[in-house]
Amino acid sequence: MKTKKGVIIQKLGELFVAYDNETGTIFEFNEVGYFIFNQIKKGKERNEILKSITRHFDVSLEETEKDLDNFLRELEKRDLIETK
């Protein structure tokens, strides 16, 4: 899994925005989403990201797993990450 080339992240107030230069796609997310996006940029895979989130934000694995999968699907759907 990796971020798509040309995707730029900007902080706007309390939110973060991913912008794809090629397609014009814009996607807003919070601090946790930003954390996940940075983990992807570092080349981390899903399970590594999951463990990092639970340690960094002190949340349970069960509550995090579903949210992470939903967020990753949304990033993929918007063509902001490549999973293959």
PDB file of N, CA and C in Angstrom:
ATOM      1  N   MET A   1       0.853  -1.172   0.000  1.00  0.00           N
ATOM      2  CA  MET A   1       0.000   0.000   0.000  1.00  0.00           C
ATOM      3  C   MET A   1       0.897   1.232   0.000  1.00  0.00           C
ATOM      4  N   LYS A   2       0.537   2.204  -0.827  1.00  0.00           N
ATOM      5  CA  LYS A   2       1.293   3.454  -0.870  1.00  0.00           C
ATOM      6  C   LYS A   2       0.386   4.595  -1.315  1.00  0.00           C
ATOM      7  N   THR A   3       0.828   5.804  -0.995  1.00  0.00           N
ATOM      8  CA  THR A   3       0.061   6.972  -1.425  1.00  0.00           C
ATOM      9  C   THR A   3       0.285   7.184  -2.914  1.00  0.00           C
ATOM     10  N   LYS A   4      -0.719   7.701  -3.569  1.00  0.00           N
ATOM     11  CA  LYS A   4      -0.638   7.962  -4.996  1.00  0.00           C
ATOM     12  C   LYS A   4       0.227   9.192  -5.240  1.00  0.00           C
ATOM     13  N   LYS A   5       1.020   9.140  -6.289  1.00  0.00           N
ATOM     14  CA  LYS A   5       1.854  10.282  -6.648  1.00  0.00           C
ATOM     15  C   LYS A   5       0.997  11.506  -6.921  1.00  0.00           C
ATOM     16  N   GLY A   6       1.456  12.657  -6.486  1.00  0.00           N
ATOM     17  CA  GLY A   6       0.747  13.898  -6.760  1.00  0.00           C
ATOM     18  C   GLY A   6      -0.289  14.286  -5.714  1.00  0.00           C
ATOM     19  N   VAL A   7      -0.433  13.464  -4.647  1.00  0.00           N
ATOM     20  CA  VAL A   7      -1.390  13.787  -3.592  1.00  0.00           C
ATOM     21  C   VAL A   7      -0.705  14.689  -2.572  1.00  0.00           C
ATOM     22  N   ILE A   8      -1.341  15.803  -2.283  1.00  0.00           N
ATOM     23  CA  ILE A   8      -0.816  16.797  -1.351  1.00  0.00           C
ATOM     24  C   ILE A   8      -1.742  16.861  -0.141  1.00  0.00           C
ATOM     25  N   ILE A   9      -1.151  16.961   1.056  1.00  0.00           N
ATOM     26  CA  ILE A   9      -1.925  17.081   2.295  1.00  0.00           C
ATOM     27  C   ILE A   9      -1.715  18.490   2.860  1.00  0.00           C
ATOM     28  N   GLN A  10      -2.820  19.146   3.205  1.00  0.00           N
ATOM     29  CA  GLN A  10      -2.794  20.478   3.807  1.00  0.00           C
ATOM     30  C   GLN A  10      -3.627  20.469   5.077  1.00  0.00           C
ATOM     31  N   LYS A  11      -3.179  21.214   6.080  1.00  0.00           N
ATOM     32  CA  LYS A  11      -3.987  21.393   7.285  1.00  0.00           C
ATOM     33  C   LYS A  11      -4.793  22.671   7.121  1.00  0.00           C
ATOM     34  N   LEU A  12      -6.105  22.549   7.350  1.00  0.00           N
ATOM     35  CA  LEU A  12      -7.005  23.703   7.279  1.00  0.00           C
ATOM     36  C   LEU A  12      -7.797  23.754   8.575  1.00  0.00           C
ATOM     37  N   GLY A  13      -7.352  24.575   9.495  1.00  0.00           N
ATOM     38  CA  GLY A  13      -7.998  24.634  10.802  1.00  0.00           C
ATOM     39  C   GLY A  13      -7.786  23.334  11.555  1.00  0.00           C
ATOM     40  N   GLU A  14      -8.876  22.707  11.944  1.00  0.00           N
ATOM     41  CA  GLU A  14      -8.815  21.441  12.674  1.00  0.00           C
ATOM     42  C   GLU A  14      -8.800  20.227  11.748  1.00  0.00           C
ATOM     43  N   LEU A  15      -9.022  20.448  10.462  1.00  0.00           N
ATOM     44  CA  LEU A  15      -9.100  19.351   9.498  1.00  0.00           C
ATOM     45  C   LEU A  15      -7.865  19.299   8.616  1.00  0.00           C
ATOM     46  N   PHE A  16      -7.679  18.156   7.997  1.00  0.00           N
ATOM     47  CA  PHE A  16      -6.648  17.966   6.994  1.00  0.00           C
ATOM     48  C   PHE A  16      -7.342  17.660   5.677  1.00  0.00           C
ATOM     49  N   VAL A  17      -6.740  18.103   4.581  1.00  0.00           N
ATOM     50  CA  VAL A  17      -7.316  17.896   3.270  1.00  0.00           C
ATOM     51  C   VAL A  17      -6.273  17.238   2.376  1.00  0.00           C
ATOM     52  N   ALA A  18      -6.689  16.144   1.724  1.00  0.00           N
ATOM     53  CA  ALA A  18      -5.851  15.518   0.708  1.00  0.00           C
ATOM     54  C   ALA A  18      -6.349  16.014  -0.639  1.00  0.00           C
ATOM     55  N   TYR A  19      -5.420  16.433  -1.467  1.00  0.00           N
ATOM     56  CA  TYR A  19      -5.760  16.928  -2.792  1.00  0.00           C
ATOM     57  C   TYR A  19      -4.930  16.179  -3.824  1.00  0.00           C
ATOM     58  N   ASP A  20      -5.604  15.593  -4.800  1.00  0.00           N
ATOM     59  CA  ASP A  20      -4.918  14.897  -5.886  1.00  0.00           C
ATOM     60  C   ASP A  20      -4.773  15.864  -7.050  1.00  0.00           C
ATOM     61  N   ASN A  21      -3.546  16.218  -7.327  1.00  0.00           N
ATOM     62  CA  ASN A  21      -3.223  17.156  -8.399  1.00  0.00           C
ATOM     63  C   ASN A  21      -3.733  16.719  -9.765  1.00  0.00           C
ATOM     64  N   GLU A  22      -3.705  15.427 -10.033  1.00  0.00           N
ATOM     65  CA  GLU A  22      -4.088  14.909 -11.347  1.00  0.00           C
ATOM     66  C   GLU A  22      -5.596  14.915 -11.573  1.00  0.00           C
ATOM     67  N   THR A  23      -6.358  14.513 -10.553  1.00  0.00           N
ATOM     68  CA  THR A  23      -7.800  14.343 -10.736  1.00  0.00           C
ATOM     69  C   THR A  23      -8.635  15.469 -10.138  1.00  0.00           C
ATOM     70  N   GLY A  24      -8.034  16.269  -9.263  1.00  0.00           N
ATOM     71  CA  GLY A  24      -8.779  17.317  -8.583  1.00  0.00           C
ATOM     72  C   GLY A  24      -9.586  16.812  -7.400  1.00  0.00           C
ATOM     73  N   THR A  25      -9.377  15.543  -7.020  1.00  0.00           N
ATOM     74  CA  THR A  25     -10.081  14.950  -5.886  1.00  0.00           C
ATOM     75  C   THR A  25      -9.667  15.637  -4.594  1.00  0.00           C
ATOM     76  N   ILE A  26     -10.659  15.968  -3.773  1.00  0.00           N
ATOM     77  CA  ILE A  26     -10.417  16.559  -2.459  1.00  0.00           C
ATOM     78  C   ILE A  26     -11.100  15.678  -1.424  1.00  0.00           C
ATOM     79  N   PHE A  27     -10.380  15.386  -0.331  1.00  0.00           N
ATOM     80  CA  PHE A  27     -10.914  14.538   0.725  1.00  0.00           C
ATOM     81  C   PHE A  27     -10.482  15.107   2.068  1.00  0.00           C
ATOM     82  N   GLU A  28     -11.451  15.391   2.940  1.00  0.00           N
ATOM     83  CA  GLU A  28     -11.167  15.947   4.272  1.00  0.00           C
ATOM     84  C   GLU A  28     -11.137  14.839   5.310  1.00  0.00           C
ATOM     85  N   PHE A  29     -10.227  14.968   6.285  1.00  0.00           N
ATOM     86  CA  PHE A  29     -10.175  14.017   7.385  1.00  0.00           C
ATOM     87  C   PHE A  29      -9.589  14.671   8.625  1.00  0.00           C
ATOM     88  N   ASN A  30      -9.657  13.960   9.727  1.00  0.00           N
ATOM     89  CA  ASN A  30      -9.216  14.499  11.020  1.00  0.00           C
ATOM     90  C   ASN A  30      -7.772  14.086  11.324  1.00  0.00           C
ATOM     91  N   GLU A  31      -7.351  14.329  12.556  1.00  0.00           N
ATOM     92  CA  GLU A  31      -5.986  14.038  12.998  1.00  0.00           C
ATOM     93  C   GLU A  31      -5.644  12.552  12.868  1.00  0.00           C
ATOM     94  N   VAL A  32      -6.598  11.691  13.171  1.00  0.00           N
ATOM     95  CA  VAL A  32      -6.350  10.250  13.059  1.00  0.00           C
ATOM     96  C   VAL A  32      -6.150   9.875  11.590  1.00  0.00           C
ATOM     97  N   GLY A  33      -6.960  10.433  10.720  1.00  0.00           N
ATOM     98  CA  GLY A  33      -6.797  10.190   9.291  1.00  0.00           C
ATOM     99  C   GLY A  33      -5.438  10.659   8.796  1.00  0.00           C
ATOM    100  N   TYR A  34      -4.990  11.794   9.304  1.00  0.00           N
ATOM    101  CA  TYR A  34      -3.668  12.315   8.953  1.00  0.00           C
ATOM    102  C   TYR A  34      -2.578  11.359   9.430  1.00  0.00           C
ATOM    103  N   PHE A  35      -2.736  10.853  10.640  1.00  0.00           N
ATOM    104  CA  PHE A  35      -1.788   9.887  11.192  1.00  0.00           C
ATOM    105  C   PHE A  35      -1.720   8.653  10.284  1.00  0.00           C
ATOM    106  N   ILE A  36      -2.882   8.146   9.879  1.00  0.00           N
ATOM    107  CA  ILE A  36      -2.945   6.966   9.007  1.00  0.00           C
ATOM    108  C   ILE A  36      -2.278   7.267   7.666  1.00  0.00           C
ATOM    109  N   PHE A  37      -2.588   8.411   7.091  1.00  0.00           N
ATOM    110  CA  PHE A  37      -2.015   8.782   5.799  1.00  0.00           C
ATOM    111  C   PHE A  37      -0.493   8.835   5.872  1.00  0.00           C
ATOM    112  N   ASN A  38       0.035   9.376   6.962  1.00  0.00           N
ATOM    113  CA  ASN A  38       1.493   9.429   7.136  1.00  0.00           C
ATOM    114  C   ASN A  38       2.093   8.040   7.298  1.00  0.00           C
ATOM    115  N   GLN A  39       1.376   7.144   7.956  1.00  0.00           N
ATOM    116  CA  GLN A  39       1.853   5.765   8.095  1.00  0.00           C
ATOM    117  C   GLN A  39       1.934   5.102   6.716  1.00  0.00           C
ATOM    118  N   ILE A  40       0.950   5.359   5.881  1.00  0.00           N
ATOM    119  CA  ILE A  40       0.963   4.816   4.515  1.00  0.00           C
ATOM    120  C   ILE A  40       2.149   5.381   3.745  1.00  0.00           C
ATOM    121  N   LYS A  41       2.389   6.688   3.889  1.00  0.00           N
ATOM    122  CA  LYS A  41       3.523   7.324   3.204  1.00  0.00           C
ATOM    123  C   LYS A  41       4.853   6.702   3.618  1.00  0.00           C
ATOM    124  N   LYS A  42       4.920   6.218   4.860  1.00  0.00           N
ATOM    125  CA  LYS A  42       6.139   5.582   5.365  1.00  0.00           C
ATOM    126  C   LYS A  42       6.254   4.125   4.929  1.00  0.00           C
ATOM    127  N   GLY A  43       5.262   3.652   4.172  1.00  0.00           N
ATOM    128  CA  GLY A  43       5.318   2.286   3.665  1.00  0.00           C
ATOM    129  C   GLY A  43       4.757   1.232   4.594  1.00  0.00           C
ATOM    130  N   LYS A  44       4.044   1.649   5.637  1.00  0.00           N
ATOM    131  CA  LYS A  44       3.466   0.699   6.595  1.00  0.00           C
ATOM    132  C   LYS A  44       2.265  -0.003   5.985  1.00  0.00           C
ATOM    133  N   GLU A  45       2.092  -1.245   6.359  1.00  0.00           N
ATOM    134  CA  GLU A  45       0.940  -2.037   5.919  1.00  0.00           C
ATOM    135  C   GLU A  45      -0.171  -1.953   6.960  1.00  0.00           C
ATOM    136  N   ARG A  46      -1.331  -2.458   6.626  1.00  0.00           N
ATOM    137  CA  ARG A  46      -2.538  -2.343   7.442  1.00  0.00           C
ATOM    138  C   ARG A  46      -2.304  -2.752   8.900  1.00  0.00           C
ATOM    139  N   ASN A  47      -1.752  -3.929   9.135  1.00  0.00           N
ATOM    140  CA  ASN A  47      -1.584  -4.406  10.512  1.00  0.00           C
ATOM    141  C   ASN A  47      -0.612  -3.546  11.311  1.00  0.00           C
ATOM    142  N   GLU A  48       0.428  -3.048  10.660  1.00  0.00           N
ATOM    143  CA  GLU A  48       1.362  -2.146  11.335  1.00  0.00           C
ATOM    144  C   GLU A  48       0.668  -0.833  11.700  1.00  0.00           C
ATOM    145  N   ILE A  49      -0.140  -0.332  10.778  1.00  0.00           N
ATOM    146  CA  ILE A  49      -0.875   0.912  11.034  1.00  0.00           C
ATOM    147  C   ILE A  49      -1.851   0.712  12.185  1.00  0.00           C
ATOM    148  N   LEU A  50      -2.541  -0.412  12.184  1.00  0.00           N
ATOM    149  CA  LEU A  50      -3.501  -0.722  13.242  1.00  0.00           C
ATOM    150  C   LEU A  50      -2.827  -0.706  14.611  1.00  0.00           C
ATOM    151  N   LYS A  51      -1.688  -1.348  14.718  1.00  0.00           N
ATOM    152  CA  LYS A  51      -0.951  -1.375  15.998  1.00  0.00           C
ATOM    153  C   LYS A  51      -0.488   0.020  16.390  1.00  0.00           C
ATOM    154  N   SER A  52      -0.025   0.794  15.412  1.00  0.00           N
ATOM    155  CA  SER A  52       0.434   2.163  15.695  1.00  0.00           C
ATOM    156  C   SER A  52      -0.697   3.036  16.223  1.00  0.00           C
ATOM    157  N   ILE A  53      -1.877   2.899  15.617  1.00  0.00           N
ATOM    158  CA  ILE A  53      -3.031   3.698  16.057  1.00  0.00           C
ATOM    159  C   ILE A  53      -3.392   3.356  17.495  1.00  0.00           C
ATOM    160  N   THR A  54      -3.459   2.068  17.810  1.00  0.00           N
ATOM    161  CA  THR A  54      -3.859   1.670  19.173  1.00  0.00           C
ATOM    162  C   THR A  54      -2.859   2.162  20.208  1.00  0.00           C
ATOM    163  N   ARG A  55      -1.575   2.170  19.865  1.00  0.00           N
ATOM    164  CA  ARG A  55      -0.566   2.675  20.806  1.00  0.00           C
ATOM    165  C   ARG A  55      -0.611   4.199  20.915  1.00  0.00           C
ATOM    166  N   HIS A  56      -0.653   4.872  19.773  1.00  0.00           N
ATOM    167  CA  HIS A  56      -0.564   6.337  19.746  1.00  0.00           C
ATOM    168  C   HIS A  56      -1.798   7.021  20.347  1.00  0.00           C
ATOM    169  N   PHE A  57      -2.980   6.469  20.072  1.00  0.00           N
ATOM    170  CA  PHE A  57      -4.219   7.107  20.508  1.00  0.00           C
ATOM    171  C   PHE A  57      -4.869   6.390  21.693  1.00  0.00           C
ATOM    172  N   ASP A  58      -4.227   5.320  22.183  1.00  0.00           N
ATOM    173  CA  ASP A  58      -4.718   4.571  23.345  1.00  0.00           C
ATOM    174  C   ASP A  58      -6.180   4.144  23.169  1.00  0.00           C
ATOM    175  N   VAL A  59      -6.442   3.448  22.067  1.00  0.00           N
ATOM    176  CA  VAL A  59      -7.769   2.920  21.767  1.00  0.00           C
ATOM    177  C   VAL A  59      -7.677   1.406  21.592  1.00  0.00           C
ATOM    178  N   SER A  60      -8.807   0.747  21.694  1.00  0.00           N
ATOM    179  CA  SER A  60      -8.809  -0.708  21.593  1.00  0.00           C
ATOM    180  C   SER A  60      -8.702  -1.161  20.138  1.00  0.00           C
ATOM    181  N   LEU A  61      -8.169  -2.344  19.970  1.00  0.00           N
ATOM    182  CA  LEU A  61      -8.018  -2.936  18.650  1.00  0.00           C
ATOM    183  C   LEU A  61      -9.369  -3.113  17.975  1.00  0.00           C
ATOM    184  N   GLU A  62     -10.355  -3.568  18.732  1.00  0.00           N
ATOM    185  CA  GLU A  62     -11.676  -3.850  18.170  1.00  0.00           C
ATOM    186  C   GLU A  62     -12.340  -2.597  17.605  1.00  0.00           C
ATOM    187  N   GLU A  63     -12.291  -1.511  18.347  1.00  0.00           N
ATOM    188  CA  GLU A  63     -12.948  -0.294  17.867  1.00  0.00           C
ATOM    189  C   GLU A  63     -12.174   0.359  16.729  1.00  0.00           C
ATOM    190  N   THR A  64     -10.893   0.100  16.640  1.00  0.00           N
ATOM    191  CA  THR A  64     -10.052   0.726  15.636  1.00  0.00           C
ATOM    192  C   THR A  64     -10.079  -0.019  14.306  1.00  0.00           C
ATOM    193  N   GLU A  65     -10.154  -1.323  14.348  1.00  0.00           N
ATOM    194  CA  GLU A  65     -10.038  -2.136  13.140  1.00  0.00           C
ATOM    195  C   GLU A  65     -11.084  -1.782  12.075  1.00  0.00           C
ATOM    196  N   LYS A  66     -12.326  -1.698  12.469  1.00  0.00           N
ATOM    197  CA  LYS A  66     -13.406  -1.383  11.527  1.00  0.00           C
ATOM    198  C   LYS A  66     -13.230   0.022  10.953  1.00  0.00           C
ATOM    199  N   ASP A  67     -12.905   0.986  11.827  1.00  0.00           N
ATOM    200  CA  ASP A  67     -12.723   2.368  11.367  1.00  0.00           C
ATOM    201  C   ASP A  67     -11.548   2.480  10.396  1.00  0.00           C
ATOM    202  N   LEU A  68     -10.459   1.773  10.692  1.00  0.00           N
ATOM    203  CA  LEU A  68      -9.300   1.799   9.802  1.00  0.00           C
ATOM    204  C   LEU A  68      -9.664   1.223   8.436  1.00  0.00           C
ATOM    205  N   ASP A  69     -10.320   0.082   8.429  1.00  0.00           N
ATOM    206  CA  ASP A  69     -10.700  -0.538   7.156  1.00  0.00           C
ATOM    207  C   ASP A  69     -11.617   0.365   6.342  1.00  0.00           C
ATOM    208  N   ASN A  70     -12.565   1.021   6.998  1.00  0.00           N
ATOM    209  CA  ASN A  70     -13.456   1.952   6.307  1.00  0.00           C
ATOM    210  C   ASN A  70     -12.677   3.126   5.719  1.00  0.00           C
ATOM    211  N   PHE A  71     -11.737   3.654   6.488  1.00  0.00           N
ATOM    212  CA  PHE A  71     -10.945   4.789   6.023  1.00  0.00           C
ATOM    213  C   PHE A  71     -10.069   4.382   4.836  1.00  0.00           C
ATOM    214  N   LEU A  72      -9.433   3.215   4.914  1.00  0.00           N
ATOM    215  CA  LEU A  72      -8.590   2.744   3.818  1.00  0.00           C
ATOM    216  C   LEU A  72      -9.416   2.516   2.547  1.00  0.00           C
ATOM    217  N   ARG A  73     -10.607   1.965   2.707  1.00  0.00           N
ATOM    218  CA  ARG A  73     -11.493   1.765   1.544  1.00  0.00           C
ATOM    219  C   ARG A  73     -11.865   3.108   0.910  1.00  0.00           C
ATOM    220  N   GLU A  74     -12.124   4.096   1.750  1.00  0.00           N
ATOM    221  CA  GLU A  74     -12.481   5.422   1.241  1.00  0.00           C
ATOM    222  C   GLU A  74     -11.302   6.058   0.499  1.00  0.00           C
ATOM    223  N   LEU A  75     -10.100   5.926   1.039  1.00  0.00           N
ATOM    224  CA  LEU A  75      -8.917   6.452   0.351  1.00  0.00           C
ATOM    225  C   LEU A  75      -8.716   5.764  -0.991  1.00  0.00           C
ATOM    226  N   GLU A  76      -8.926   4.453  -1.010  1.00  0.00           N
ATOM    227  CA  GLU A  76      -8.763   3.698  -2.255  1.00  0.00           C
ATOM    228  C   GLU A  76      -9.854   4.083  -3.270  1.00  0.00           C
ATOM    229  N   LYS A  77     -11.082   4.198  -2.783  1.00  0.00           N
ATOM    230  CA  LYS A  77     -12.204   4.583  -3.647  1.00  0.00           C
ATOM    231  C   LYS A  77     -11.961   5.940  -4.305  1.00  0.00           C
ATOM    232  N   ARG A  78     -11.370   6.848  -3.561  1.00  0.00           N
ATOM    233  CA  ARG A  78     -11.080   8.188  -4.090  1.00  0.00           C
ATOM    234  C   ARG A  78      -9.757   8.237  -4.836  1.00  0.00           C
ATOM    235  N   ASP A  79      -9.118   7.079  -4.978  1.00  0.00           N
ATOM    236  CA  ASP A  79      -7.884   6.925  -5.734  1.00  0.00           C
ATOM    237  C   ASP A  79      -6.727   7.761  -5.148  1.00  0.00           C
ATOM    238  N   LEU A  80      -6.681   7.825  -3.812  1.00  0.00           N
ATOM    239  CA  LEU A  80      -5.609   8.551  -3.135  1.00  0.00           C
ATOM    240  C   LEU A  80      -4.483   7.633  -2.679  1.00  0.00           C
ATOM    241  N   ILE A  81      -4.768   6.313  -2.635  1.00  0.00           N
ATOM    242  CA  ILE A  81      -3.746   5.316  -2.307  1.00  0.00           C
ATOM    243  C   ILE A  81      -3.816   4.189  -3.318  1.00  0.00           C
ATOM    244  N   GLU A  82      -2.718   3.474  -3.409  1.00  0.00           N
ATOM    245  CA  GLU A  82      -2.641   2.286  -4.251  1.00  0.00           C
ATOM    246  C   GLU A  82      -2.414   1.096  -3.328  1.00  0.00           C
ATOM    247  N   THR A  83      -3.240   0.074  -3.464  1.00  0.00           N
ATOM    248  CA  THR A  83      -3.119  -1.085  -2.573  1.00  0.00           C
ATOM    249  C   THR A  83      -2.514  -2.293  -3.258  1.00  0.00           C
ATOM    250  N   LYS A  84      -2.234  -2.194  -4.539  1.00  0.00           N
ATOM    251  CA  LYS A  84      -1.675  -3.349  -5.246  1.00  0.00           C
ATOM    252  C   LYS A  84      -0.311  -3.058  -5.777  1.00  0.00           C
TER     253      LYS A  84
END
